[in-house]
Amino acid sequence: MSDRRADGPPANHTTRLIVVRLDRPEQLFAASPPSPTSPHYTEFTAQPAMDTVRDMILLHLPRRHTDIVLDVVLPAAAIHPGLDDELTIAVRRWVRVQNTMEGESSEAAGIIGRRLFIFGVLAFFVLQTASIAVKKWADSWDSYLTSTIGEGLSVTSWVMLWFPVQVATVEVWRSSIRRRRMRILERLTVRVQEAAD
């Protein structure tokens, strides 16, 4: 993968080039991997190539104005006129569907997180109240076991609050950043190259 300045656009506009060597165009979307003993077994053929491309883009977090060019290197027998445009349309459709599913998943996680947050806050106060009551009772009885139970209730109350807070905040932010980065792929252009013999 490499970055280069695009011709024409402003200085902050770059193009990221990704070269993918496949046996068939269908391997972009459906894995039919060769054996690991084959030289054609790569990160792009072991799973659908677009999954690897997507992960590479998310890993390197390209800038908003970056264009992605995907050079798909294929045997001559697998190439026909207009394949560049067909694959560009197909890849952009794949990305739009992935973004839609990611958006729905993020929205669902946000709703679940908000509901769990309310439940977590209620559970927190109930467990904290129980913890305080048990600790006071332990003080009057001078019981280590009862005191330990009170501390356990206190720790449990904080644990009950941790998960819904994470779902309602960190997970939603992560999905939001991921969706923004995935939108860059909606401008992806496919160029088909013939493999050298």
N, C-alpha and C. Protein backbone atom coordinates (compact mmCIF):
# COMPACT_ATOMS: atom_id res chain seq x y z
N MET A 1 0.85 -1.17 0.00
CA MET A 1 0.00 0.00 0.00
C MET A 1 0.89 1.23 0.00
N SER A 2 0.54 2.21 -0.82
CA SER A 2 1.35 3.41 -0.88
C SER A 2 0.48 4.64 -1.06
N ASP A 3 1.01 5.78 -0.63
CA ASP A 3 0.32 7.05 -0.81
C ASP A 3 1.05 7.83 -1.89
N ARG A 4 0.30 8.51 -2.71
CA ARG A 4 0.91 9.41 -3.68
C ARG A 4 -0.03 10.58 -3.90
N ARG A 5 0.52 11.70 -4.31
CA ARG A 5 -0.29 12.87 -4.60
C ARG A 5 -1.12 12.62 -5.86
N ALA A 6 -2.38 12.96 -5.80
CA ALA A 6 -3.23 12.83 -6.97
C ALA A 6 -2.99 14.02 -7.88
N ASP A 7 -3.13 13.83 -9.20
CA ASP A 7 -2.96 14.93 -10.14
C ASP A 7 -4.19 15.80 -10.13
N GLY A 8 -4.00 17.10 -9.94
CA GLY A 8 -5.12 18.03 -10.05
C GLY A 8 -5.69 18.53 -8.75
N PRO A 9 -6.17 17.64 -7.83
CA PRO A 9 -6.83 18.10 -6.63
C PRO A 9 -5.89 18.89 -5.72
N PRO A 10 -6.44 19.50 -4.66
CA PRO A 10 -5.63 20.29 -3.74
C PRO A 10 -4.50 19.49 -3.11
N ALA A 11 -3.56 20.21 -2.48
CA ALA A 11 -2.35 19.58 -1.94
C ALA A 11 -2.66 18.55 -0.86
N ASN A 12 -3.77 18.74 -0.12
CA ASN A 12 -4.09 17.80 0.96
C ASN A 12 -4.80 16.55 0.44
N HIS A 13 -4.96 16.46 -0.87
CA HIS A 13 -5.67 15.34 -1.49
C HIS A 13 -4.65 14.28 -1.90
N THR A 14 -4.80 13.06 -1.40
CA THR A 14 -3.87 11.99 -1.74
C THR A 14 -4.64 10.79 -2.27
N THR A 15 -3.90 9.92 -2.92
CA THR A 15 -4.47 8.67 -3.41
C THR A 15 -3.70 7.52 -2.78
N ARG A 16 -4.43 6.58 -2.23
CA ARG A 16 -3.79 5.39 -1.65
C ARG A 16 -4.00 4.23 -2.63
N LEU A 17 -2.90 3.62 -3.00
CA LEU A 17 -2.93 2.53 -3.97
C LEU A 17 -2.76 1.20 -3.24
N ILE A 18 -3.67 0.29 -3.53
CA ILE A 18 -3.60 -1.07 -2.97
C ILE A 18 -3.59 -2.05 -4.14
N VAL A 19 -2.62 -2.94 -4.14
CA VAL A 19 -2.49 -3.93 -5.21
C VAL A 19 -2.93 -5.29 -4.67
N VAL A 20 -3.88 -5.91 -5.37
CA VAL A 20 -4.43 -7.20 -4.96
C VAL A 20 -4.26 -8.19 -6.10
N ARG A 21 -3.61 -9.31 -5.85
CA ARG A 21 -3.41 -10.34 -6.87
C ARG A 21 -4.39 -11.48 -6.62
N LEU A 22 -5.27 -11.70 -7.58
CA LEU A 22 -6.30 -12.73 -7.45
C LEU A 22 -6.30 -13.63 -8.68
N ASP A 23 -6.98 -14.77 -8.56
CA ASP A 23 -7.15 -15.67 -9.71
C ASP A 23 -8.46 -15.38 -10.45
N ARG A 24 -9.46 -14.90 -9.68
CA ARG A 24 -10.78 -14.61 -10.25
C ARG A 24 -11.32 -13.33 -9.60
N PRO A 25 -12.08 -12.54 -10.33
CA PRO A 25 -12.66 -11.33 -9.74
C PRO A 25 -13.56 -11.62 -8.54
N GLU A 26 -14.22 -12.79 -8.56
CA GLU A 26 -15.14 -13.15 -7.48
C GLU A 26 -14.46 -13.23 -6.12
N GLN A 27 -13.14 -13.42 -6.12
CA GLN A 27 -12.42 -13.52 -4.85
C GLN A 27 -12.41 -12.20 -4.07
N LEU A 28 -12.82 -11.12 -4.71
CA LEU A 28 -12.97 -9.87 -3.98
C LEU A 28 -14.02 -10.00 -2.88
N PHE A 29 -15.07 -10.79 -3.14
CA PHE A 29 -16.21 -10.85 -2.23
C PHE A 29 -16.46 -12.22 -1.60
N ALA A 30 -15.94 -13.27 -2.20
CA ALA A 30 -16.17 -14.62 -1.68
C ALA A 30 -14.85 -15.38 -1.72
N ALA A 31 -14.44 -15.86 -0.57
CA ALA A 31 -13.15 -16.55 -0.49
C ALA A 31 -13.24 -17.94 -1.09
N SER A 32 -12.29 -18.25 -1.94
CA SER A 32 -12.09 -19.63 -2.40
C SER A 32 -10.58 -19.83 -2.37
N PRO A 33 -10.04 -19.90 -1.15
CA PRO A 33 -8.59 -19.83 -1.00
C PRO A 33 -7.86 -21.05 -1.54
N PRO A 34 -6.71 -20.82 -2.16
CA PRO A 34 -5.85 -21.95 -2.51
C PRO A 34 -5.22 -22.52 -1.24
N SER A 35 -4.54 -23.61 -1.39
CA SER A 35 -3.87 -24.22 -0.25
C SER A 35 -2.74 -23.31 0.23
N PRO A 36 -2.46 -23.32 1.53
CA PRO A 36 -1.32 -22.53 2.02
C PRO A 36 0.02 -22.92 1.37
N THR A 37 0.07 -24.07 0.72
CA THR A 37 1.31 -24.46 0.03
C THR A 37 1.45 -23.73 -1.31
N SER A 38 0.39 -23.07 -1.76
CA SER A 38 0.42 -22.36 -3.04
C SER A 38 0.98 -20.96 -2.87
N PRO A 39 1.76 -20.47 -3.85
CA PRO A 39 2.26 -19.09 -3.77
C PRO A 39 1.13 -18.07 -3.90
N HIS A 40 -0.06 -18.51 -4.36
CA HIS A 40 -1.21 -17.61 -4.50
C HIS A 40 -1.96 -17.43 -3.18
N TYR A 41 -1.54 -18.14 -2.16
CA TYR A 41 -2.19 -18.03 -0.83
C TYR A 41 -1.64 -16.80 -0.13
N THR A 42 -2.45 -15.75 -0.03
CA THR A 42 -2.04 -14.49 0.59
C THR A 42 -3.13 -13.99 1.51
N GLU A 43 -2.90 -12.84 2.14
CA GLU A 43 -3.92 -12.25 3.00
C GLU A 43 -5.17 -11.85 2.21
N PHE A 44 -5.02 -11.71 0.88
CA PHE A 44 -6.17 -11.33 0.05
C PHE A 44 -6.96 -12.54 -0.44
N THR A 45 -6.33 -13.73 -0.46
CA THR A 45 -7.04 -14.92 -0.94
C THR A 45 -7.50 -15.82 0.20
N ALA A 46 -6.93 -15.66 1.38
CA ALA A 46 -7.32 -16.51 2.51
C ALA A 46 -8.71 -16.18 3.00
N GLN A 47 -9.18 -14.97 2.71
CA GLN A 47 -10.54 -14.53 3.02
C GLN A 47 -10.97 -13.62 1.88
N PRO A 48 -12.25 -13.23 1.81
CA PRO A 48 -12.63 -12.28 0.75
C PRO A 48 -11.70 -11.08 0.75
N ALA A 49 -11.17 -10.74 -0.43
CA ALA A 49 -10.14 -9.69 -0.51
C ALA A 49 -10.63 -8.36 0.04
N MET A 50 -11.92 -8.04 -0.13
CA MET A 50 -12.42 -6.76 0.36
C MET A 50 -12.40 -6.68 1.88
N ASP A 51 -12.50 -7.81 2.56
CA ASP A 51 -12.37 -7.80 4.02
C ASP A 51 -10.97 -7.34 4.42
N THR A 52 -9.96 -7.85 3.71
CA THR A 52 -8.58 -7.46 4.00
C THR A 52 -8.36 -6.00 3.64
N VAL A 53 -8.88 -5.57 2.48
CA VAL A 53 -8.73 -4.17 2.07
C VAL A 53 -9.37 -3.25 3.10
N ARG A 54 -10.57 -3.59 3.54
CA ARG A 54 -11.26 -2.77 4.55
C ARG A 54 -10.44 -2.67 5.83
N ASP A 55 -9.90 -3.80 6.28
CA ASP A 55 -9.11 -3.79 7.52
C ASP A 55 -7.83 -2.98 7.35
N MET A 56 -7.21 -3.03 6.17
CA MET A 56 -6.01 -2.24 5.92
C MET A 56 -6.33 -0.74 5.97
N ILE A 57 -7.46 -0.37 5.39
CA ILE A 57 -7.86 1.04 5.40
C ILE A 57 -8.13 1.51 6.83
N LEU A 58 -8.84 0.71 7.59
CA LEU A 58 -9.16 1.08 8.97
C LEU A 58 -7.89 1.10 9.83
N LEU A 59 -6.94 0.24 9.54
CA LEU A 59 -5.71 0.18 10.30
C LEU A 59 -4.88 1.44 10.11
N HIS A 60 -4.79 1.92 8.87
CA HIS A 60 -3.94 3.07 8.56
C HIS A 60 -4.67 4.41 8.65
N LEU A 61 -6.00 4.36 8.88
CA LEU A 61 -6.81 5.57 9.08
C LEU A 61 -6.47 6.69 8.10
N PRO A 62 -6.85 6.53 6.84
CA PRO A 62 -6.54 7.57 5.85
C PRO A 62 -7.29 8.86 6.14
N ARG A 63 -6.77 9.95 5.60
CA ARG A 63 -7.42 11.24 5.78
C ARG A 63 -8.72 11.29 4.99
N ARG A 64 -9.55 12.25 5.36
CA ARG A 64 -10.88 12.36 4.78
C ARG A 64 -10.85 12.52 3.27
N HIS A 65 -9.85 13.22 2.74
CA HIS A 65 -9.81 13.51 1.31
C HIS A 65 -9.01 12.48 0.52
N THR A 66 -8.68 11.37 1.14
CA THR A 66 -7.91 10.34 0.45
C THR A 66 -8.81 9.54 -0.49
N ASP A 67 -8.34 9.31 -1.70
CA ASP A 67 -9.02 8.42 -2.64
C ASP A 67 -8.30 7.07 -2.62
N ILE A 68 -9.09 6.01 -2.75
CA ILE A 68 -8.52 4.67 -2.75
C ILE A 68 -8.58 4.11 -4.17
N VAL A 69 -7.44 3.65 -4.66
CA VAL A 69 -7.38 2.97 -5.96
C VAL A 69 -6.97 1.53 -5.69
N LEU A 70 -7.81 0.61 -6.16
CA LEU A 70 -7.55 -0.81 -5.96
C LEU A 70 -7.15 -1.42 -7.30
N ASP A 71 -5.87 -1.77 -7.41
CA ASP A 71 -5.38 -2.45 -8.61
C ASP A 71 -5.56 -3.95 -8.42
N VAL A 72 -6.47 -4.53 -9.19
CA VAL A 72 -6.73 -5.96 -9.12
C VAL A 72 -5.98 -6.64 -10.26
N VAL A 73 -4.98 -7.41 -9.90
CA VAL A 73 -4.15 -8.11 -10.89
C VAL A 73 -4.75 -9.49 -11.12
N LEU A 74 -5.13 -9.75 -12.37
CA LEU A 74 -5.80 -11.01 -12.72
C LEU A 74 -5.13 -11.66 -13.92
N PRO A 75 -5.29 -12.99 -14.06
CA PRO A 75 -4.83 -13.64 -15.30
C PRO A 75 -5.61 -13.10 -16.49
N ALA A 76 -5.01 -13.14 -17.66
CA ALA A 76 -5.65 -12.59 -18.86
C ALA A 76 -6.99 -13.25 -19.14
N ALA A 77 -7.12 -14.54 -18.84
CA ALA A 77 -8.36 -15.26 -19.11
C ALA A 77 -9.53 -14.76 -18.26
N ALA A 78 -9.23 -14.12 -17.14
CA ALA A 78 -10.30 -13.66 -16.24
C ALA A 78 -10.71 -12.22 -16.52
N ILE A 79 -10.08 -11.58 -17.51
CA ILE A 79 -10.35 -10.17 -17.81
C ILE A 79 -11.20 -10.04 -19.06
N HIS A 80 -12.21 -9.16 -18.98
CA HIS A 80 -13.00 -8.84 -20.17
C HIS A 80 -13.25 -7.34 -20.20
N PRO A 81 -13.60 -6.79 -21.36
CA PRO A 81 -13.81 -5.34 -21.44
C PRO A 81 -14.89 -4.86 -20.46
N GLY A 82 -14.62 -3.74 -19.84
CA GLY A 82 -15.59 -3.15 -18.91
C GLY A 82 -15.51 -3.71 -17.50
N LEU A 83 -14.56 -4.64 -17.25
CA LEU A 83 -14.47 -5.25 -15.92
C LEU A 83 -14.12 -4.23 -14.85
N ASP A 84 -13.30 -3.23 -15.21
CA ASP A 84 -12.95 -2.18 -14.25
C ASP A 84 -14.20 -1.52 -13.68
N ASP A 85 -15.10 -1.10 -14.60
CA ASP A 85 -16.32 -0.42 -14.16
C ASP A 85 -17.24 -1.35 -13.37
N GLU A 86 -17.35 -2.60 -13.83
CA GLU A 86 -18.20 -3.56 -13.11
C GLU A 86 -17.73 -3.76 -11.68
N LEU A 87 -16.43 -3.93 -11.51
CA LEU A 87 -15.89 -4.15 -10.17
C LEU A 87 -15.96 -2.90 -9.31
N THR A 88 -15.77 -1.73 -9.92
CA THR A 88 -15.89 -0.48 -9.16
C THR A 88 -17.29 -0.33 -8.61
N ILE A 89 -18.30 -0.59 -9.46
CA ILE A 89 -19.70 -0.50 -9.02
C ILE A 89 -19.98 -1.53 -7.93
N ALA A 90 -19.49 -2.76 -8.14
CA ALA A 90 -19.73 -3.83 -7.17
C ALA A 90 -19.08 -3.52 -5.82
N VAL A 91 -17.84 -3.04 -5.85
CA VAL A 91 -17.13 -2.72 -4.60
C VAL A 91 -17.82 -1.59 -3.86
N ARG A 92 -18.23 -0.55 -4.58
CA ARG A 92 -18.91 0.57 -3.92
C ARG A 92 -20.25 0.13 -3.34
N ARG A 93 -20.94 -0.77 -4.04
CA ARG A 93 -22.19 -1.32 -3.49
C ARG A 93 -21.91 -2.12 -2.23
N TRP A 94 -20.86 -2.93 -2.25
CA TRP A 94 -20.47 -3.72 -1.07
C TRP A 94 -20.18 -2.80 0.11
N VAL A 95 -19.45 -1.72 -0.14
CA VAL A 95 -19.09 -0.79 0.93
C VAL A 95 -20.35 -0.12 1.50
N ARG A 96 -21.27 0.29 0.62
CA ARG A 96 -22.50 0.93 1.10
C ARG A 96 -23.29 -0.02 2.00
N VAL A 97 -23.38 -1.28 1.60
CA VAL A 97 -24.10 -2.27 2.41
C VAL A 97 -23.39 -2.47 3.75
N GLN A 98 -22.05 -2.58 3.71
CA GLN A 98 -21.29 -2.74 4.96
C GLN A 98 -21.51 -1.54 5.88
N ASN A 99 -21.52 -0.33 5.31
CA ASN A 99 -21.73 0.88 6.11
C ASN A 99 -23.13 0.91 6.70
N THR A 100 -24.11 0.47 5.92
CA THR A 100 -25.49 0.44 6.42
C THR A 100 -25.61 -0.53 7.59
N MET A 101 -25.03 -1.72 7.43
CA MET A 101 -25.09 -2.71 8.50
C MET A 101 -24.35 -2.22 9.74
N GLU A 102 -23.20 -1.57 9.52
CA GLU A 102 -22.43 -1.03 10.64
C GLU A 102 -23.23 0.05 11.37
N GLY A 103 -23.93 0.90 10.59
CA GLY A 103 -24.74 1.95 11.20
C GLY A 103 -25.88 1.38 12.02
N GLU A 104 -26.55 0.37 11.49
CA GLU A 104 -27.66 -0.25 12.23
C GLU A 104 -27.15 -0.94 13.49
N SER A 105 -26.00 -1.60 13.38
CA SER A 105 -25.43 -2.27 14.55
C SER A 105 -25.04 -1.25 15.62
N SER A 106 -24.46 -0.13 15.18
CA SER A 106 -24.06 0.91 16.13
C SER A 106 -25.27 1.53 16.81
N GLU A 107 -26.31 1.77 16.02
CA GLU A 107 -27.53 2.35 16.59
C GLU A 107 -28.17 1.39 17.60
N ALA A 108 -28.20 0.11 17.25
CA ALA A 108 -28.76 -0.88 18.18
C ALA A 108 -27.92 -0.96 19.46
N ALA A 109 -26.58 -0.91 19.30
CA ALA A 109 -25.71 -0.95 20.47
C ALA A 109 -25.94 0.27 21.35
N GLY A 110 -26.17 1.43 20.71
CA GLY A 110 -26.42 2.64 21.49
C GLY A 110 -27.71 2.55 22.29
N ILE A 111 -28.76 2.01 21.66
CA ILE A 111 -30.04 1.85 22.36
C ILE A 111 -29.89 0.87 23.52
N ILE A 112 -29.24 -0.26 23.25
CA ILE A 112 -29.02 -1.25 24.31
C ILE A 112 -28.18 -0.64 25.43
N GLY A 113 -27.14 0.11 25.04
CA GLY A 113 -26.28 0.74 26.03
C GLY A 113 -27.01 1.71 26.92
N ARG A 114 -27.90 2.51 26.32
CA ARG A 114 -28.66 3.48 27.13
C ARG A 114 -29.59 2.76 28.11
N ARG A 115 -30.22 1.68 27.64
CA ARG A 115 -31.11 0.93 28.54
C ARG A 115 -30.31 0.24 29.64
N LEU A 116 -29.18 -0.34 29.26
CA LEU A 116 -28.34 -0.99 30.27
C LEU A 116 -27.77 0.03 31.24
N PHE A 117 -27.51 1.24 30.75
CA PHE A 117 -26.98 2.28 31.63
C PHE A 117 -27.96 2.59 32.75
N ILE A 118 -29.24 2.74 32.37
CA ILE A 118 -30.27 3.01 33.39
C ILE A 118 -30.34 1.87 34.39
N PHE A 119 -30.35 0.63 33.87
CA PHE A 119 -30.38 -0.53 34.76
C PHE A 119 -29.13 -0.59 35.63
N GLY A 120 -27.96 -0.28 35.02
CA GLY A 120 -26.71 -0.31 35.77
C GLY A 120 -26.68 0.72 36.88
N VAL A 121 -27.21 1.92 36.63
CA VAL A 121 -27.25 2.95 37.67
C VAL A 121 -28.15 2.51 38.83
N LEU A 122 -29.31 1.96 38.48
CA LEU A 122 -30.21 1.47 39.54
C LEU A 122 -29.55 0.35 40.35
N ALA A 123 -28.94 -0.59 39.65
CA ALA A 123 -28.26 -1.69 40.33
C ALA A 123 -27.11 -1.17 41.19
N PHE A 124 -26.41 -0.15 40.67
CA PHE A 124 -25.31 0.44 41.43
C PHE A 124 -25.79 0.98 42.78
N PHE A 125 -26.87 1.78 42.74
CA PHE A 125 -27.36 2.38 43.98
C PHE A 125 -27.91 1.32 44.95
N VAL A 126 -28.59 0.31 44.39
CA VAL A 126 -29.12 -0.76 45.25
C VAL A 126 -27.98 -1.51 45.93
N LEU A 127 -26.96 -1.89 45.14
CA LEU A 127 -25.84 -2.65 45.70
C LEU A 127 -25.00 -1.81 46.65
N GLN A 128 -24.82 -0.53 46.32
CA GLN A 128 -24.07 0.35 47.22
C GLN A 128 -24.79 0.51 48.56
N THR A 129 -26.12 0.68 48.48
CA THR A 129 -26.92 0.80 49.72
C THR A 129 -26.80 -0.48 50.55
N ALA A 130 -26.91 -1.63 49.87
CA ALA A 130 -26.78 -2.91 50.56
C ALA A 130 -25.39 -3.05 51.16
N SER A 131 -24.36 -2.61 50.42
CA SER A 131 -22.99 -2.70 50.91
C SER A 131 -22.80 -1.87 52.18
N ILE A 132 -23.31 -0.65 52.16
CA ILE A 132 -23.19 0.23 53.34
C ILE A 132 -23.89 -0.39 54.54
N ALA A 133 -25.10 -0.92 54.30
CA ALA A 133 -25.87 -1.54 55.39
C ALA A 133 -25.13 -2.75 55.97
N VAL A 134 -24.59 -3.59 55.10
CA VAL A 134 -23.87 -4.79 55.56
C VAL A 134 -22.61 -4.39 56.32
N LYS A 135 -21.90 -3.36 55.84
CA LYS A 135 -20.68 -2.92 56.52
C LYS A 135 -20.99 -2.38 57.91
N LYS A 136 -22.07 -1.63 58.03
CA LYS A 136 -22.46 -1.11 59.35
C LYS A 136 -22.82 -2.27 60.29
N TRP A 137 -23.51 -3.24 59.75
CA TRP A 137 -23.87 -4.41 60.54
C TRP A 137 -22.61 -5.17 60.95
N ALA A 138 -21.64 -5.23 60.03
CA ALA A 138 -20.39 -5.93 60.33
C ALA A 138 -19.62 -5.21 61.43
N ASP A 139 -19.67 -3.87 61.43
CA ASP A 139 -18.97 -3.11 62.47
C ASP A 139 -19.53 -3.42 63.86
N SER A 140 -20.86 -3.55 63.91
CA SER A 140 -21.47 -3.82 65.21
C SER A 140 -21.20 -5.25 65.68
N TRP A 141 -21.03 -6.17 64.72
CA TRP A 141 -20.78 -7.57 65.08
C TRP A 141 -19.29 -7.91 65.06
N ASP A 142 -18.49 -6.99 64.50
CA ASP A 142 -17.04 -7.22 64.38
C ASP A 142 -16.76 -8.55 63.66
N SER A 143 -17.48 -8.70 62.49
CA SER A 143 -17.38 -9.95 61.73
C SER A 143 -16.63 -9.72 60.43
N TYR A 144 -15.54 -10.46 60.23
CA TYR A 144 -14.77 -10.33 58.99
C TYR A 144 -15.57 -10.84 57.79
N LEU A 145 -16.32 -11.90 57.96
CA LEU A 145 -17.11 -12.47 56.87
C LEU A 145 -18.15 -11.45 56.38
N THR A 146 -18.85 -10.84 57.31
CA THR A 146 -19.87 -9.87 56.93
C THR A 146 -19.23 -8.64 56.29
N SER A 147 -18.09 -8.23 56.82
CA SER A 147 -17.38 -7.10 56.24
C SER A 147 -16.93 -7.41 54.81
N THR A 148 -16.47 -8.65 54.59
CA THR A 148 -16.05 -9.08 53.24
C THR A 148 -17.23 -9.07 52.28
N ILE A 149 -18.38 -9.52 52.74
CA ILE A 149 -19.59 -9.50 51.90
C ILE A 149 -19.93 -8.07 51.52
N GLY A 150 -19.82 -7.14 52.48
CA GLY A 150 -20.10 -5.73 52.20
C GLY A 150 -19.16 -5.17 51.15
N GLU A 151 -17.86 -5.50 51.25
CA GLU A 151 -16.89 -5.05 50.24
C GLU A 151 -17.19 -5.66 48.87
N GLY A 152 -17.58 -6.94 48.90
CA GLY A 152 -17.93 -7.61 47.64
C GLY A 152 -19.11 -6.96 46.96
N LEU A 153 -20.11 -6.56 47.71
CA LEU A 153 -21.27 -5.86 47.15
C LEU A 153 -20.85 -4.51 46.56
N SER A 154 -19.93 -3.83 47.22
CA SER A 154 -19.45 -2.54 46.72
C SER A 154 -18.73 -2.70 45.39
N VAL A 155 -17.83 -3.70 45.32
CA VAL A 155 -17.10 -3.96 44.07
C VAL A 155 -18.06 -4.36 42.96
N THR A 156 -19.01 -5.22 43.29
CA THR A 156 -20.00 -5.67 42.30
C THR A 156 -20.80 -4.50 41.74
N SER A 157 -21.12 -3.53 42.58
CA SER A 157 -21.90 -2.38 42.11
C SER A 157 -21.13 -1.60 41.05
N TRP A 158 -19.80 -1.44 41.25
CA TRP A 158 -18.99 -0.73 40.25
C TRP A 158 -18.86 -1.54 38.97
N VAL A 159 -18.73 -2.85 39.10
CA VAL A 159 -18.65 -3.71 37.90
C VAL A 159 -19.96 -3.65 37.12
N MET A 160 -21.08 -3.63 37.82
CA MET A 160 -22.39 -3.54 37.15
C MET A 160 -22.51 -2.25 36.35
N LEU A 161 -21.85 -1.20 36.78
CA LEU A 161 -21.94 0.09 36.10
C LEU A 161 -20.97 0.18 34.93
N TRP A 162 -19.88 -0.59 34.98
CA TRP A 162 -18.82 -0.47 33.98
C TRP A 162 -19.29 -0.86 32.57
N PHE A 163 -19.94 -2.02 32.43
CA PHE A 163 -20.31 -2.51 31.10
C PHE A 163 -21.29 -1.59 30.36
N PRO A 164 -22.40 -1.18 30.98
CA PRO A 164 -23.29 -0.28 30.24
C PRO A 164 -22.66 1.05 29.87
N VAL A 165 -21.76 1.56 30.72
CA VAL A 165 -21.07 2.81 30.38
C VAL A 165 -20.18 2.59 29.16
N GLN A 166 -19.49 1.46 29.09
CA GLN A 166 -18.64 1.17 27.94
C GLN A 166 -19.47 1.05 26.66
N VAL A 167 -20.59 0.32 26.73
CA VAL A 167 -21.44 0.13 25.55
C VAL A 167 -22.02 1.47 25.09
N ALA A 168 -22.44 2.31 26.03
CA ALA A 168 -23.09 3.57 25.69
C ALA A 168 -22.12 4.64 25.22
N THR A 169 -20.82 4.47 25.50
CA THR A 169 -19.86 5.51 25.13
C THR A 169 -18.78 4.99 24.18
N VAL A 170 -17.86 4.20 24.71
CA VAL A 170 -16.69 3.78 23.93
C VAL A 170 -17.09 3.01 22.68
N GLU A 171 -18.03 2.06 22.80
CA GLU A 171 -18.42 1.26 21.64
C GLU A 171 -19.11 2.11 20.58
N VAL A 172 -19.93 3.06 21.01
CA VAL A 172 -20.61 3.94 20.05
C VAL A 172 -19.60 4.84 19.36
N TRP A 173 -18.64 5.37 20.11
CA TRP A 173 -17.60 6.21 19.49
C TRP A 173 -16.77 5.40 18.51
N ARG A 174 -16.40 4.18 18.89
CA ARG A 174 -15.60 3.33 18.00
C ARG A 174 -16.33 3.07 16.69
N SER A 175 -17.62 2.74 16.78
CA SER A 175 -18.40 2.47 15.57
C SER A 175 -18.54 3.72 14.72
N SER A 176 -18.68 4.87 15.35
CA SER A 176 -18.83 6.12 14.62
C SER A 176 -17.55 6.43 13.83
N ILE A 177 -16.39 6.26 14.47
CA ILE A 177 -15.12 6.49 13.78
C ILE A 177 -14.95 5.49 12.65
N ARG A 178 -15.30 4.25 12.89
CA ARG A 178 -15.18 3.21 11.86
C ARG A 178 -16.06 3.54 10.66
N ARG A 179 -17.30 3.99 10.91
CA ARG A 179 -18.19 4.34 9.79
C ARG A 179 -17.65 5.51 8.98
N ARG A 180 -17.08 6.51 9.65
CA ARG A 180 -16.52 7.65 8.93
C ARG A 180 -15.37 7.22 8.05
N ARG A 181 -14.53 6.33 8.57
CA ARG A 181 -13.41 5.85 7.77
C ARG A 181 -13.90 4.98 6.61
N MET A 182 -14.93 4.19 6.85
CA MET A 182 -15.46 3.33 5.80
C MET A 182 -16.06 4.13 4.66
N ARG A 183 -16.54 5.34 4.93
CA ARG A 183 -17.12 6.17 3.87
C ARG A 183 -16.07 6.52 2.81
N ILE A 184 -14.80 6.55 3.22
CA ILE A 184 -13.73 6.81 2.25
C ILE A 184 -13.74 5.74 1.17
N LEU A 185 -14.06 4.50 1.57
CA LEU A 185 -14.08 3.39 0.61
C LEU A 185 -15.20 3.54 -0.42
N GLU A 186 -16.19 4.37 -0.15
CA GLU A 186 -17.27 4.55 -1.11
C GLU A 186 -16.79 5.25 -2.37
N ARG A 187 -15.61 5.86 -2.30
CA ARG A 187 -15.03 6.50 -3.49
C ARG A 187 -13.99 5.61 -4.16
N LEU A 188 -13.88 4.37 -3.71
CA LEU A 188 -12.86 3.47 -4.23
C LEU A 188 -13.05 3.21 -5.73
N THR A 189 -11.95 3.21 -6.44
CA THR A 189 -11.94 2.93 -7.88
C THR A 189 -11.12 1.67 -8.13
N VAL A 190 -11.66 0.78 -8.92
CA VAL A 190 -10.95 -0.47 -9.26
C VAL A 190 -10.33 -0.34 -10.64
N ARG A 191 -9.07 -0.72 -10.72
CA ARG A 191 -8.39 -0.82 -12.01
C ARG A 191 -7.92 -2.26 -12.17
N VAL A 192 -8.27 -2.85 -13.28
CA VAL A 192 -7.88 -4.25 -13.54
C VAL A 192 -6.58 -4.26 -14.31
N GLN A 193 -5.63 -5.04 -13.81
CA GLN A 193 -4.33 -5.18 -14.46
C GLN A 193 -4.12 -6.65 -14.85
N GLU A 194 -3.47 -6.86 -15.96
CA GLU A 194 -3.19 -8.23 -16.38
C GLU A 194 -1.91 -8.72 -15.71
N ALA A 195 -1.97 -9.92 -15.16
CA ALA A 195 -0.80 -10.48 -14.49
C ALA A 195 0.30 -10.79 -15.49
N ALA A 196 1.52 -10.49 -15.10
CA ALA A 196 2.65 -10.81 -15.95
C ALA A 196 2.89 -12.31 -15.91
N ASP A 197 3.23 -12.87 -17.01
CA ASP A 197 3.52 -14.33 -17.07
C ASP A 197 4.83 -14.64 -16.40
